[in-house]
Amino acid sequence: MKLKTIVGLLGLLMLGKFNLVNAQSNTQKETTYVGDQKNGQPDGKGVLTDTIGNVFKGSFKKGKKEGYGELTIKNAIGKDSTLVGYWKKDQYVGLYEFPYKIVSKSYMISNASIAYEPANPSGNTIEISVESVSGGSATLAGEMPKPTMTEHIFNKGSYQEMFPRTNQQKRNVYIFQNVMFPVSAVFKFGNEDIMVDFNETKNYKLTVVLRD
């Protein structure tokens, strides 16, 4: 009889322990969301708290983090940390949505394009290449003048030195060395200008084509 009672008590204790584990597991699995929704999913601005206690405040699209937001990462043994920037399809992109942005350009600049590659230990650069359709072409009166950069204004960021390469056939090239990013700059070519933001630390090449 005593044996049956002990076994029964052990069974109740095990059942209680099992239920407690289940209750803890169910609590850990809870994820809460407060904010805009569409079709039953987070869509718009909102706050998402995951099972660990990490909190994301920002933009969502179709249930995924999309756009700007701030993620507070829970640290059980130390100070919480915060990750700020942009997300695409739940993946963190970085502090900036894009590595660069052409903010504006005047009408006589027919085209402007930017290429980039990873930064290197020898120094980060911005290379400006400016050309026009007829600039540098040979005529009976001589060579057509190539467009030149007449002014550059760094509203944000800095550089150590700039040197021109004017020996190109149909373009002039200007190289800014040891650039400190992020950069917001205006490059002028006579009466024309272009404003560009270079957000991430990379080596950039900006090609500007002017109308004749």
N, C-alpha and C. Protein backbone atom coordinates (compact mmCIF):
# COMPACT_ATOMS: atom_id res chain seq x y z
N MET A 1 0.84 -1.21 0.00
CA MET A 1 0.00 0.00 0.00
C MET A 1 0.87 1.26 0.00
N LYS A 2 1.88 1.22 0.88
CA LYS A 2 2.79 2.37 0.94
C LYS A 2 3.49 2.56 -0.38
N LEU A 3 3.88 1.47 -1.03
CA LEU A 3 4.58 1.54 -2.33
C LEU A 3 3.70 2.21 -3.37
N LYS A 4 2.40 1.84 -3.37
CA LYS A 4 1.48 2.43 -4.34
C LYS A 4 1.32 3.92 -4.08
N THR A 5 1.27 4.28 -2.79
CA THR A 5 1.14 5.70 -2.44
C THR A 5 2.34 6.51 -2.91
N ILE A 6 3.54 5.96 -2.68
CA ILE A 6 4.78 6.64 -3.10
C ILE A 6 4.82 6.80 -4.62
N VAL A 7 4.44 5.71 -5.31
CA VAL A 7 4.43 5.76 -6.78
C VAL A 7 3.44 6.80 -7.26
N GLY A 8 2.28 6.86 -6.58
CA GLY A 8 1.27 7.85 -6.96
C GLY A 8 1.75 9.27 -6.74
N LEU A 9 2.43 9.50 -5.61
CA LEU A 9 2.97 10.82 -5.33
C LEU A 9 4.03 11.23 -6.33
N LEU A 10 4.89 10.27 -6.67
CA LEU A 10 5.92 10.54 -7.68
C LEU A 10 5.29 10.89 -9.02
N GLY A 11 4.22 10.15 -9.32
CA GLY A 11 3.52 10.42 -10.58
C GLY A 11 2.94 11.82 -10.60
N LEU A 12 2.33 12.23 -9.49
CA LEU A 12 1.78 13.58 -9.40
C LEU A 12 2.86 14.64 -9.50
N LEU A 13 4.00 14.36 -8.84
CA LEU A 13 5.12 15.31 -8.90
C LEU A 13 5.65 15.44 -10.32
N MET A 14 5.80 14.30 -11.01
CA MET A 14 6.29 14.31 -12.38
C MET A 14 5.31 15.02 -13.30
N LEU A 15 4.01 14.76 -13.07
CA LEU A 15 2.99 15.42 -13.88
C LEU A 15 3.01 16.92 -13.66
N GLY A 16 3.18 17.31 -12.38
CA GLY A 16 3.26 18.73 -12.07
C GLY A 16 4.47 19.37 -12.72
N LYS A 17 5.59 18.67 -12.67
CA LYS A 17 6.83 19.18 -13.28
C LYS A 17 6.67 19.30 -14.78
N PHE A 18 6.01 18.28 -15.37
CA PHE A 18 5.79 18.28 -16.82
C PHE A 18 4.91 19.45 -17.23
N ASN A 19 3.84 19.68 -16.44
CA ASN A 19 2.95 20.78 -16.74
C ASN A 19 3.66 22.12 -16.59
N LEU A 20 4.56 22.21 -15.58
CA LEU A 20 5.32 23.44 -15.37
C LEU A 20 6.24 23.71 -16.55
N VAL A 21 6.91 22.66 -17.07
CA VAL A 21 7.79 22.80 -18.24
C VAL A 21 6.98 23.25 -19.44
N ASN A 22 5.79 22.62 -19.60
CA ASN A 22 4.94 23.01 -20.71
C ASN A 22 4.51 24.47 -20.60
N ALA A 23 4.18 24.88 -19.39
CA ALA A 23 3.76 26.27 -19.18
C ALA A 23 4.90 27.23 -19.51
N GLN A 24 6.13 26.88 -19.10
CA GLN A 24 7.29 27.72 -19.41
C GLN A 24 7.52 27.76 -20.91
N SER A 25 7.39 26.60 -21.56
CA SER A 25 7.62 26.54 -23.00
C SER A 25 6.60 27.39 -23.73
N ASN A 26 5.33 27.28 -23.28
CA ASN A 26 4.29 28.06 -23.93
C ASN A 26 4.52 29.55 -23.74
N THR A 27 5.03 29.94 -22.56
CA THR A 27 5.33 31.35 -22.31
C THR A 27 6.46 31.82 -23.21
N GLN A 28 7.47 30.99 -23.37
CA GLN A 28 8.62 31.35 -24.19
C GLN A 28 8.25 31.48 -25.66
N LYS A 29 7.23 30.76 -26.08
CA LYS A 29 6.86 30.76 -27.49
C LYS A 29 5.99 31.93 -27.88
N GLU A 30 5.57 32.73 -26.90
CA GLU A 30 4.68 33.85 -27.20
C GLU A 30 5.44 34.99 -27.86
N THR A 31 4.89 35.46 -28.98
CA THR A 31 5.41 36.63 -29.66
C THR A 31 4.29 37.65 -29.73
N THR A 32 4.58 38.88 -29.37
CA THR A 32 3.54 39.91 -29.38
C THR A 32 3.84 40.97 -30.43
N TYR A 33 2.77 41.50 -31.00
CA TYR A 33 2.89 42.57 -31.99
C TYR A 33 1.80 43.60 -31.75
N VAL A 34 2.19 44.86 -31.77
CA VAL A 34 1.24 45.97 -31.65
C VAL A 34 1.53 46.94 -32.78
N GLY A 35 0.52 47.19 -33.61
CA GLY A 35 0.75 48.14 -34.70
C GLY A 35 -0.18 47.90 -35.88
N ASP A 36 0.19 48.47 -37.02
CA ASP A 36 -0.61 48.37 -38.23
C ASP A 36 -0.61 46.94 -38.76
N GLN A 37 -1.74 46.53 -39.31
CA GLN A 37 -1.86 45.18 -39.87
C GLN A 37 -2.60 45.22 -41.20
N LYS A 38 -2.35 44.19 -41.98
CA LYS A 38 -3.07 44.01 -43.25
C LYS A 38 -3.17 42.52 -43.52
N ASN A 39 -4.38 42.04 -43.75
CA ASN A 39 -4.64 40.62 -43.96
C ASN A 39 -4.11 39.77 -42.80
N GLY A 40 -4.24 40.33 -41.59
CA GLY A 40 -3.82 39.58 -40.41
C GLY A 40 -2.33 39.53 -40.18
N GLN A 41 -1.54 40.32 -40.92
CA GLN A 41 -0.08 40.33 -40.77
C GLN A 41 0.40 41.74 -40.46
N PRO A 42 1.54 41.85 -39.76
CA PRO A 42 2.12 43.19 -39.55
C PRO A 42 2.40 43.86 -40.89
N ASP A 43 1.90 45.07 -41.06
CA ASP A 43 2.09 45.80 -42.31
C ASP A 43 1.96 47.29 -42.01
N GLY A 44 3.09 47.99 -42.06
CA GLY A 44 3.11 49.40 -41.67
C GLY A 44 4.03 49.59 -40.48
N LYS A 45 3.67 50.48 -39.59
CA LYS A 45 4.47 50.75 -38.39
C LYS A 45 4.01 49.88 -37.24
N GLY A 46 4.96 49.35 -36.46
CA GLY A 46 4.57 48.53 -35.33
C GLY A 46 5.74 48.17 -34.44
N VAL A 47 5.40 47.42 -33.38
CA VAL A 47 6.39 46.96 -32.41
C VAL A 47 6.23 45.45 -32.25
N LEU A 48 7.31 44.71 -32.49
CA LEU A 48 7.30 43.26 -32.39
C LEU A 48 8.26 42.82 -31.29
N THR A 49 7.75 42.05 -30.35
CA THR A 49 8.57 41.48 -29.28
C THR A 49 8.62 39.98 -29.46
N ASP A 50 9.83 39.42 -29.63
CA ASP A 50 9.94 37.99 -29.91
C ASP A 50 10.02 37.17 -28.63
N THR A 51 10.24 35.87 -28.77
CA THR A 51 10.19 34.93 -27.64
C THR A 51 11.30 35.17 -26.63
N ILE A 52 12.41 35.76 -27.06
CA ILE A 52 13.54 35.99 -26.16
C ILE A 52 13.42 37.32 -25.43
N GLY A 53 12.61 38.21 -26.00
CA GLY A 53 12.47 39.54 -25.41
C GLY A 53 13.08 40.62 -26.27
N ASN A 54 13.62 40.26 -27.45
CA ASN A 54 14.12 41.26 -28.39
C ASN A 54 12.94 42.07 -28.92
N VAL A 55 13.13 43.38 -29.05
CA VAL A 55 12.04 44.26 -29.46
C VAL A 55 12.44 45.02 -30.73
N PHE A 56 11.60 44.89 -31.76
CA PHE A 56 11.82 45.62 -33.01
C PHE A 56 10.74 46.68 -33.16
N LYS A 57 11.16 47.94 -33.29
CA LYS A 57 10.24 49.05 -33.53
C LYS A 57 10.55 49.62 -34.90
N GLY A 58 9.58 49.52 -35.81
CA GLY A 58 9.84 50.03 -37.15
C GLY A 58 8.78 49.64 -38.15
N SER A 59 9.21 49.45 -39.39
CA SER A 59 8.31 49.21 -40.50
C SER A 59 8.23 47.72 -40.85
N PHE A 60 7.04 47.32 -41.27
CA PHE A 60 6.80 45.94 -41.68
C PHE A 60 6.08 45.92 -43.03
N LYS A 61 6.26 44.81 -43.75
CA LYS A 61 5.52 44.60 -44.99
C LYS A 61 5.26 43.10 -45.15
N LYS A 62 4.00 42.76 -45.23
CA LYS A 62 3.58 41.36 -45.38
C LYS A 62 4.18 40.48 -44.28
N GLY A 63 4.18 40.99 -43.07
CA GLY A 63 4.63 40.20 -41.93
C GLY A 63 6.12 40.19 -41.69
N LYS A 64 6.90 40.87 -42.51
CA LYS A 64 8.36 40.88 -42.37
C LYS A 64 8.86 42.30 -42.12
N LYS A 65 10.01 42.39 -41.45
CA LYS A 65 10.64 43.69 -41.25
C LYS A 65 11.06 44.24 -42.61
N GLU A 66 10.65 45.46 -42.89
CA GLU A 66 10.93 46.06 -44.20
C GLU A 66 11.03 47.56 -44.05
N GLY A 67 12.22 48.10 -44.24
CA GLY A 67 12.41 49.53 -44.09
C GLY A 67 13.18 49.85 -42.82
N TYR A 68 13.02 51.08 -42.37
CA TYR A 68 13.79 51.55 -41.21
C TYR A 68 13.22 51.00 -39.92
N GLY A 69 14.13 50.68 -38.98
CA GLY A 69 13.69 50.22 -37.67
C GLY A 69 14.82 50.19 -36.67
N GLU A 70 14.45 49.95 -35.40
CA GLU A 70 15.42 49.83 -34.30
C GLU A 70 15.17 48.52 -33.57
N LEU A 71 16.18 47.68 -33.49
CA LEU A 71 16.07 46.39 -32.83
C LEU A 71 16.86 46.42 -31.53
N THR A 72 16.16 46.26 -30.42
CA THR A 72 16.80 46.16 -29.12
C THR A 72 17.02 44.69 -28.81
N ILE A 73 18.28 44.28 -28.68
CA ILE A 73 18.64 42.88 -28.49
C ILE A 73 18.85 42.62 -27.01
N LYS A 74 18.06 41.70 -26.48
CA LYS A 74 18.08 41.38 -25.06
C LYS A 74 19.36 40.63 -24.70
N ASN A 75 20.01 41.08 -23.62
CA ASN A 75 21.20 40.41 -23.13
C ASN A 75 20.94 39.99 -21.68
N ALA A 76 20.92 38.68 -21.45
CA ALA A 76 20.55 38.17 -20.13
C ALA A 76 21.59 38.48 -19.06
N ILE A 77 22.84 38.65 -19.46
CA ILE A 77 23.90 38.84 -18.46
C ILE A 77 24.57 40.21 -18.53
N GLY A 78 24.13 41.03 -19.44
CA GLY A 78 24.75 42.34 -19.57
C GLY A 78 23.76 43.37 -20.09
N LYS A 79 24.29 44.46 -20.60
CA LYS A 79 23.46 45.54 -21.09
C LYS A 79 22.90 45.21 -22.47
N ASP A 80 21.62 45.55 -22.66
CA ASP A 80 21.00 45.33 -23.97
C ASP A 80 21.70 46.19 -25.02
N SER A 81 21.68 45.71 -26.27
CA SER A 81 22.29 46.47 -27.37
C SER A 81 21.21 46.82 -28.39
N THR A 82 21.48 47.84 -29.19
CA THR A 82 20.50 48.32 -30.17
C THR A 82 21.11 48.33 -31.57
N LEU A 83 20.37 47.80 -32.51
CA LEU A 83 20.77 47.77 -33.91
C LEU A 83 19.83 48.69 -34.68
N VAL A 84 20.39 49.71 -35.31
CA VAL A 84 19.59 50.72 -36.00
C VAL A 84 19.91 50.69 -37.49
N GLY A 85 18.88 50.81 -38.32
CA GLY A 85 19.13 50.85 -39.75
C GLY A 85 17.95 50.32 -40.55
N TYR A 86 18.28 49.66 -41.66
CA TYR A 86 17.25 49.24 -42.61
C TYR A 86 17.22 47.71 -42.74
N TRP A 87 16.00 47.21 -42.93
CA TRP A 87 15.76 45.78 -43.14
C TRP A 87 15.09 45.56 -44.49
N LYS A 88 15.39 44.41 -45.10
CA LYS A 88 14.70 43.97 -46.31
C LYS A 88 14.34 42.50 -46.14
N LYS A 89 13.04 42.21 -46.19
CA LYS A 89 12.54 40.84 -46.04
C LYS A 89 13.11 40.17 -44.79
N ASP A 90 13.04 40.88 -43.68
CA ASP A 90 13.46 40.39 -42.36
C ASP A 90 14.98 40.36 -42.16
N GLN A 91 15.76 40.73 -43.18
CA GLN A 91 17.22 40.71 -43.07
C GLN A 91 17.75 42.12 -42.89
N TYR A 92 18.70 42.27 -41.97
CA TYR A 92 19.30 43.57 -41.73
C TYR A 92 20.22 43.95 -42.89
N VAL A 93 20.00 45.13 -43.47
CA VAL A 93 20.78 45.61 -44.62
C VAL A 93 21.98 46.43 -44.15
N GLY A 94 21.74 47.33 -43.21
CA GLY A 94 22.81 48.19 -42.72
C GLY A 94 22.26 49.50 -42.22
N LEU A 95 23.16 50.36 -41.82
CA LEU A 95 22.77 51.67 -41.29
C LEU A 95 22.06 52.50 -42.35
N TYR A 96 22.42 52.28 -43.62
CA TYR A 96 21.80 53.02 -44.71
C TYR A 96 21.08 52.05 -45.64
N GLU A 97 20.01 52.52 -46.25
CA GLU A 97 19.24 51.66 -47.16
C GLU A 97 20.03 51.37 -48.42
N PHE A 98 20.78 52.36 -48.91
CA PHE A 98 21.58 52.21 -50.11
C PHE A 98 22.99 52.74 -49.85
N PRO A 99 24.02 52.17 -50.49
CA PRO A 99 25.38 52.67 -50.28
C PRO A 99 25.57 54.09 -50.78
N TYR A 100 24.75 54.50 -51.78
CA TYR A 100 24.86 55.87 -52.31
C TYR A 100 23.50 56.32 -52.80
N LYS A 101 23.38 57.63 -53.02
CA LYS A 101 22.13 58.17 -53.55
C LYS A 101 22.44 59.44 -54.34
N ILE A 102 21.95 59.51 -55.58
CA ILE A 102 22.04 60.74 -56.36
C ILE A 102 20.85 61.60 -55.95
N VAL A 103 21.13 62.65 -55.21
CA VAL A 103 20.07 63.48 -54.63
C VAL A 103 19.43 64.36 -55.69
N SER A 104 20.26 65.00 -56.53
CA SER A 104 19.73 65.88 -57.57
C SER A 104 20.80 66.11 -58.63
N LYS A 105 20.35 66.50 -59.82
CA LYS A 105 21.28 66.90 -60.89
C LYS A 105 20.57 67.90 -61.78
N SER A 106 21.33 68.85 -62.34
CA SER A 106 20.74 69.87 -63.19
C SER A 106 20.43 69.30 -64.58
N TYR A 107 19.63 70.05 -65.34
CA TYR A 107 19.08 69.54 -66.60
C TYR A 107 20.15 69.17 -67.62
N MET A 108 21.21 69.94 -67.70
CA MET A 108 22.23 69.70 -68.74
C MET A 108 23.12 68.49 -68.44
N ILE A 109 22.93 67.88 -67.29
CA ILE A 109 23.58 66.59 -67.03
C ILE A 109 22.63 65.51 -67.53
N SER A 110 22.96 64.92 -68.68
CA SER A 110 22.05 63.96 -69.32
C SER A 110 22.06 62.61 -68.62
N ASN A 111 23.18 62.26 -68.01
CA ASN A 111 23.27 60.96 -67.36
C ASN A 111 24.30 61.01 -66.23
N ALA A 112 24.00 60.26 -65.19
CA ALA A 112 24.95 60.12 -64.09
C ALA A 112 24.82 58.70 -63.54
N SER A 113 25.94 58.02 -63.39
CA SER A 113 25.91 56.65 -62.88
C SER A 113 27.04 56.46 -61.89
N ILE A 114 26.82 55.52 -60.97
CA ILE A 114 27.81 55.26 -59.92
C ILE A 114 28.11 53.77 -59.87
N ALA A 115 29.37 53.44 -59.85
CA ALA A 115 29.83 52.07 -59.62
C ALA A 115 30.70 52.09 -58.37
N TYR A 116 30.79 50.94 -57.71
CA TYR A 116 31.62 50.91 -56.50
C TYR A 116 32.16 49.52 -56.28
N GLU A 117 33.19 49.47 -55.47
CA GLU A 117 33.80 48.20 -55.06
C GLU A 117 34.20 48.32 -53.60
N PRO A 118 34.49 47.22 -52.94
CA PRO A 118 34.84 47.29 -51.52
C PRO A 118 36.04 48.21 -51.26
N ALA A 119 36.04 48.82 -50.09
CA ALA A 119 37.16 49.66 -49.69
C ALA A 119 38.40 48.80 -49.51
N ASN A 120 39.57 49.43 -49.59
CA ASN A 120 40.82 48.69 -49.40
C ASN A 120 41.72 49.45 -48.43
N PRO A 121 42.70 48.77 -47.87
CA PRO A 121 43.56 49.41 -46.85
C PRO A 121 44.34 50.61 -47.35
N SER A 122 44.53 50.72 -48.66
CA SER A 122 45.34 51.83 -49.18
C SER A 122 44.60 53.16 -49.17
N GLY A 123 43.32 53.15 -48.84
CA GLY A 123 42.59 54.41 -48.78
C GLY A 123 41.32 54.36 -49.59
N ASN A 124 40.27 54.99 -49.09
CA ASN A 124 38.98 55.01 -49.77
C ASN A 124 38.94 56.20 -50.74
N THR A 125 38.36 55.99 -51.92
CA THR A 125 38.40 57.02 -52.95
C THR A 125 37.03 57.30 -53.54
N ILE A 126 36.89 58.50 -54.07
CA ILE A 126 35.76 58.87 -54.94
C ILE A 126 36.37 59.39 -56.23
N GLU A 127 36.05 58.73 -57.32
CA GLU A 127 36.56 59.14 -58.63
C GLU A 127 35.42 59.76 -59.43
N ILE A 128 35.63 61.00 -59.90
CA ILE A 128 34.64 61.71 -60.70
C ILE A 128 35.13 61.75 -62.14
N SER A 129 34.35 61.17 -63.05
CA SER A 129 34.68 61.20 -64.47
C SER A 129 33.61 62.01 -65.18
N VAL A 130 34.01 63.11 -65.84
CA VAL A 130 33.04 63.98 -66.50
C VAL A 130 33.36 64.04 -68.00
N GLU A 131 32.31 63.92 -68.81
CA GLU A 131 32.49 63.92 -70.26
C GLU A 131 31.23 64.47 -70.92
N SER A 132 31.35 64.74 -72.23
CA SER A 132 30.20 65.13 -73.04
C SER A 132 30.31 64.41 -74.38
N VAL A 133 29.27 64.52 -75.19
CA VAL A 133 29.25 63.79 -76.46
C VAL A 133 30.38 64.24 -77.38
N SER A 134 30.58 65.54 -77.50
CA SER A 134 31.57 66.05 -78.45
C SER A 134 32.88 66.47 -77.79
N GLY A 135 32.92 66.55 -76.48
CA GLY A 135 34.14 66.99 -75.81
C GLY A 135 35.34 66.10 -76.12
N GLY A 136 36.45 66.70 -76.52
CA GLY A 136 37.65 65.95 -76.85
C GLY A 136 37.73 65.52 -78.30
N SER A 137 36.65 65.77 -79.08
CA SER A 137 36.65 65.37 -80.49
C SER A 137 37.47 66.36 -81.31
N ALA A 138 38.11 65.84 -82.33
CA ALA A 138 38.94 66.69 -83.19
C ALA A 138 38.08 67.33 -84.27
N THR A 139 38.27 68.63 -84.50
CA THR A 139 37.57 69.35 -85.56
C THR A 139 38.61 70.15 -86.36
N LEU A 140 38.15 70.79 -87.44
CA LEU A 140 39.06 71.61 -88.24
C LEU A 140 39.62 72.77 -87.43
N ALA A 141 38.85 73.20 -86.46
CA ALA A 141 39.29 74.33 -85.63
C ALA A 141 40.11 73.86 -84.44
N GLY A 142 40.26 72.55 -84.31
CA GLY A 142 41.01 72.02 -83.18
C GLY A 142 40.15 71.09 -82.34
N GLU A 143 40.64 70.72 -81.21
CA GLU A 143 39.92 69.80 -80.34
C GLU A 143 38.83 70.52 -79.56
N MET A 144 37.65 69.87 -79.52
CA MET A 144 36.55 70.43 -78.72
C MET A 144 36.92 70.33 -77.24
N PRO A 145 36.65 71.36 -76.48
CA PRO A 145 37.03 71.32 -75.06
C PRO A 145 36.25 70.26 -74.29
N LYS A 146 36.93 69.63 -73.38
CA LYS A 146 36.27 68.64 -72.51
C LYS A 146 35.69 69.38 -71.31
N PRO A 147 34.54 68.91 -70.81
CA PRO A 147 33.98 69.55 -69.61
C PRO A 147 34.89 69.34 -68.41
N THR A 148 34.91 70.32 -67.54
CA THR A 148 35.78 70.24 -66.37
C THR A 148 34.97 70.45 -65.09
N MET A 149 35.48 69.92 -64.00
CA MET A 149 34.87 70.18 -62.70
C MET A 149 35.41 71.50 -62.19
N THR A 150 34.53 72.45 -61.94
CA THR A 150 34.95 73.79 -61.55
C THR A 150 34.89 74.03 -60.04
N GLU A 151 34.12 73.17 -59.31
CA GLU A 151 34.03 73.35 -57.86
C GLU A 151 33.50 72.06 -57.23
N HIS A 152 33.91 71.82 -56.01
CA HIS A 152 33.38 70.68 -55.24
C HIS A 152 33.19 71.13 -53.80
N ILE A 153 32.02 70.79 -53.24
CA ILE A 153 31.67 71.21 -51.89
C ILE A 153 31.27 69.97 -51.09
N PHE A 154 32.01 69.69 -50.03
CA PHE A 154 31.69 68.57 -49.14
C PHE A 154 30.89 69.11 -47.95
N ASN A 155 29.57 68.89 -47.97
CA ASN A 155 28.72 69.31 -46.86
C ASN A 155 28.82 68.36 -45.68
N LYS A 156 29.21 67.13 -45.96
CA LYS A 156 29.41 66.14 -44.91
C LYS A 156 30.58 65.26 -45.32
N GLY A 157 31.39 64.83 -44.37
CA GLY A 157 32.57 64.02 -44.70
C GLY A 157 33.74 64.89 -45.11
N SER A 158 34.84 64.23 -45.45
CA SER A 158 36.05 64.96 -45.83
C SER A 158 36.95 64.07 -46.67
N TYR A 159 38.01 64.68 -47.19
CA TYR A 159 39.01 63.94 -47.96
C TYR A 159 40.37 64.55 -47.69
N GLN A 160 41.41 63.78 -47.97
CA GLN A 160 42.76 64.26 -47.69
C GLN A 160 43.33 65.07 -48.83
N GLU A 161 43.16 64.58 -50.06
CA GLU A 161 43.65 65.31 -51.22
C GLU A 161 42.88 64.94 -52.46
N MET A 162 42.94 65.81 -53.47
CA MET A 162 42.30 65.56 -54.76
C MET A 162 43.29 65.88 -55.86
N PHE A 163 43.37 65.01 -56.83
CA PHE A 163 44.22 65.34 -57.98
C PHE A 163 43.50 64.97 -59.28
N PRO A 164 43.69 65.82 -60.33
CA PRO A 164 43.01 65.60 -61.61
C PRO A 164 43.85 64.76 -62.56
N ARG A 165 43.16 64.07 -63.43
CA ARG A 165 43.80 63.38 -64.56
C ARG A 165 43.18 63.94 -65.83
N THR A 166 43.87 64.89 -66.44
CA THR A 166 43.32 65.58 -67.60
C THR A 166 43.88 65.05 -68.91
N ASN A 167 44.61 63.94 -68.85
CA ASN A 167 45.21 63.39 -70.07
C ASN A 167 44.32 62.34 -70.73
N GLN A 168 43.06 62.20 -70.25
CA GLN A 168 42.13 61.26 -70.87
C GLN A 168 41.65 61.84 -72.21
N GLN A 169 41.30 60.98 -73.14
CA GLN A 169 40.98 61.45 -74.48
C GLN A 169 39.71 62.29 -74.54
N LYS A 170 38.62 61.81 -73.95
CA LYS A 170 37.36 62.52 -74.07
C LYS A 170 36.73 62.87 -72.72
N ARG A 171 37.49 62.77 -71.66
CA ARG A 171 36.94 63.05 -70.34
C ARG A 171 38.03 63.61 -69.43
N ASN A 172 37.58 64.25 -68.39
CA ASN A 172 38.46 64.65 -67.31
C ASN A 172 38.10 63.85 -66.07
N VAL A 173 39.11 63.44 -65.34
CA VAL A 173 38.91 62.59 -64.17
C VAL A 173 39.50 63.29 -62.95
N TYR A 174 38.77 63.23 -61.84
CA TYR A 174 39.22 63.84 -60.58
C TYR A 174 39.10 62.78 -59.48
N ILE A 175 40.17 62.56 -58.75
CA ILE A 175 40.21 61.51 -57.75
C ILE A 175 40.41 62.11 -56.36
N PHE A 176 39.45 61.83 -55.49
CA PHE A 176 39.53 62.26 -54.09
C PHE A 176 40.04 61.06 -53.29
N GLN A 177 41.12 61.27 -52.57
CA GLN A 177 41.75 60.17 -51.84
C GLN A 177 41.54 60.28 -50.33
N ASN A 178 41.63 59.11 -49.67
CA ASN A 178 41.48 59.02 -48.21
C ASN A 178 40.23 59.75 -47.74
N VAL A 179 39.11 59.33 -48.29
CA VAL A 179 37.82 59.95 -47.99
C VAL A 179 37.28 59.40 -46.68
N MET A 180 36.71 60.28 -45.86
CA MET A 180 36.04 59.90 -44.63
C MET A 180 34.54 59.91 -44.88
N PHE A 181 33.91 58.74 -44.79
CA PHE A 181 32.48 58.60 -45.05
C PHE A 181 31.70 58.62 -43.73
N PRO A 182 30.38 58.94 -43.80
CA PRO A 182 29.57 59.24 -44.99
C PRO A 182 29.86 60.63 -45.55
N VAL A 183 29.58 60.77 -46.85
CA VAL A 183 29.85 62.01 -47.56
C VAL A 183 28.56 62.50 -48.22
N SER A 184 28.34 63.81 -48.12
CA SER A 184 27.31 64.48 -48.90
C SER A 184 28.00 65.62 -49.62
N ALA A 185 28.02 65.57 -50.96
CA ALA A 185 28.84 66.52 -51.71
C ALA A 185 28.12 67.03 -52.95
N VAL A 186 28.52 68.23 -53.36
CA VAL A 186 28.04 68.84 -54.61
C VAL A 186 29.23 69.02 -55.53
N PHE A 187 29.11 68.52 -56.76
CA PHE A 187 30.16 68.67 -57.76
C PHE A 187 29.62 69.55 -58.88
N LYS A 188 30.39 70.63 -59.21
CA LYS A 188 29.92 71.60 -60.19
C LYS A 188 30.78 71.55 -61.44
N PHE A 189 30.11 71.70 -62.57
CA PHE A 189 30.77 71.71 -63.88
C PHE A 189 30.25 72.94 -64.62
N GLY A 190 30.91 74.07 -64.38
CA GLY A 190 30.39 75.33 -64.92
C GLY A 190 29.07 75.67 -64.24
N ASN A 191 28.01 75.81 -65.05
CA ASN A 191 26.69 76.14 -64.50
C ASN A 191 25.90 74.91 -64.06
N GLU A 192 26.45 73.74 -64.29
CA GLU A 192 25.74 72.50 -63.96
C GLU A 192 26.29 71.90 -62.67
N ASP A 193 25.44 71.15 -61.98
CA ASP A 193 25.90 70.53 -60.74
C ASP A 193 25.12 69.25 -60.44
N ILE A 194 25.73 68.44 -59.61
CA ILE A 194 25.10 67.20 -59.16
C ILE A 194 25.39 67.04 -57.67
N MET A 195 24.36 66.63 -56.91
CA MET A 195 24.52 66.39 -55.48
C MET A 195 24.40 64.89 -55.23
N VAL A 196 25.37 64.34 -54.50
CA VAL A 196 25.42 62.89 -54.26
C VAL A 196 25.72 62.62 -52.80
N ASP A 197 25.03 61.62 -52.25
CA ASP A 197 25.37 61.09 -50.92
C ASP A 197 26.09 59.76 -51.09
N PHE A 198 27.28 59.66 -50.54
CA PHE A 198 28.01 58.39 -50.49
C PHE A 198 27.97 57.93 -49.03
N ASN A 199 27.13 56.95 -48.74
CA ASN A 199 26.85 56.60 -47.35
C ASN A 199 27.84 55.61 -46.76
N GLU A 200 28.13 54.55 -47.49
CA GLU A 200 28.98 53.49 -46.94
C GLU A 200 30.43 53.68 -47.37
N THR A 201 31.32 53.11 -46.61
CA THR A 201 32.75 53.22 -46.88
C THR A 201 33.12 52.25 -48.01
N LYS A 202 33.31 52.78 -49.20
CA LYS A 202 33.67 51.99 -50.38
C LYS A 202 34.53 52.84 -51.29
N ASN A 203 34.95 52.27 -52.42
CA ASN A 203 35.61 53.04 -53.48
C ASN A 203 34.57 53.29 -54.58
N TYR A 204 34.28 54.55 -54.84
CA TYR A 204 33.22 54.91 -55.77
C TYR A 204 33.78 55.51 -57.06
N LYS A 205 33.02 55.31 -58.15
CA LYS A 205 33.31 55.99 -59.41
C LYS A 205 32.02 56.60 -59.93
N LEU A 206 31.99 57.92 -59.97
CA LEU A 206 30.83 58.66 -60.47
C LEU A 206 31.13 59.14 -61.89
N THR A 207 30.30 58.70 -62.83
CA THR A 207 30.46 59.12 -64.23
C THR A 207 29.35 60.11 -64.58
N VAL A 208 29.74 61.30 -65.03
CA VAL A 208 28.79 62.37 -65.36
C VAL A 208 28.91 62.69 -66.84
N VAL A 209 27.78 62.68 -67.52
CA VAL A 209 27.74 63.00 -68.96
C VAL A 209 26.90 64.25 -69.16
N LEU A 210 27.50 65.28 -69.76
CA LEU A 210 26.81 66.54 -70.01
C LEU A 210 26.29 66.60 -71.44
N ARG A 211 25.14 67.29 -71.59
CA ARG A 211 24.64 67.55 -72.94
C ARG A 211 25.50 68.61 -73.61
N ASP A 212 25.58 68.55 -74.92
CA ASP A 212 26.33 69.57 -75.66
C ASP A 212 25.48 70.82 -75.83
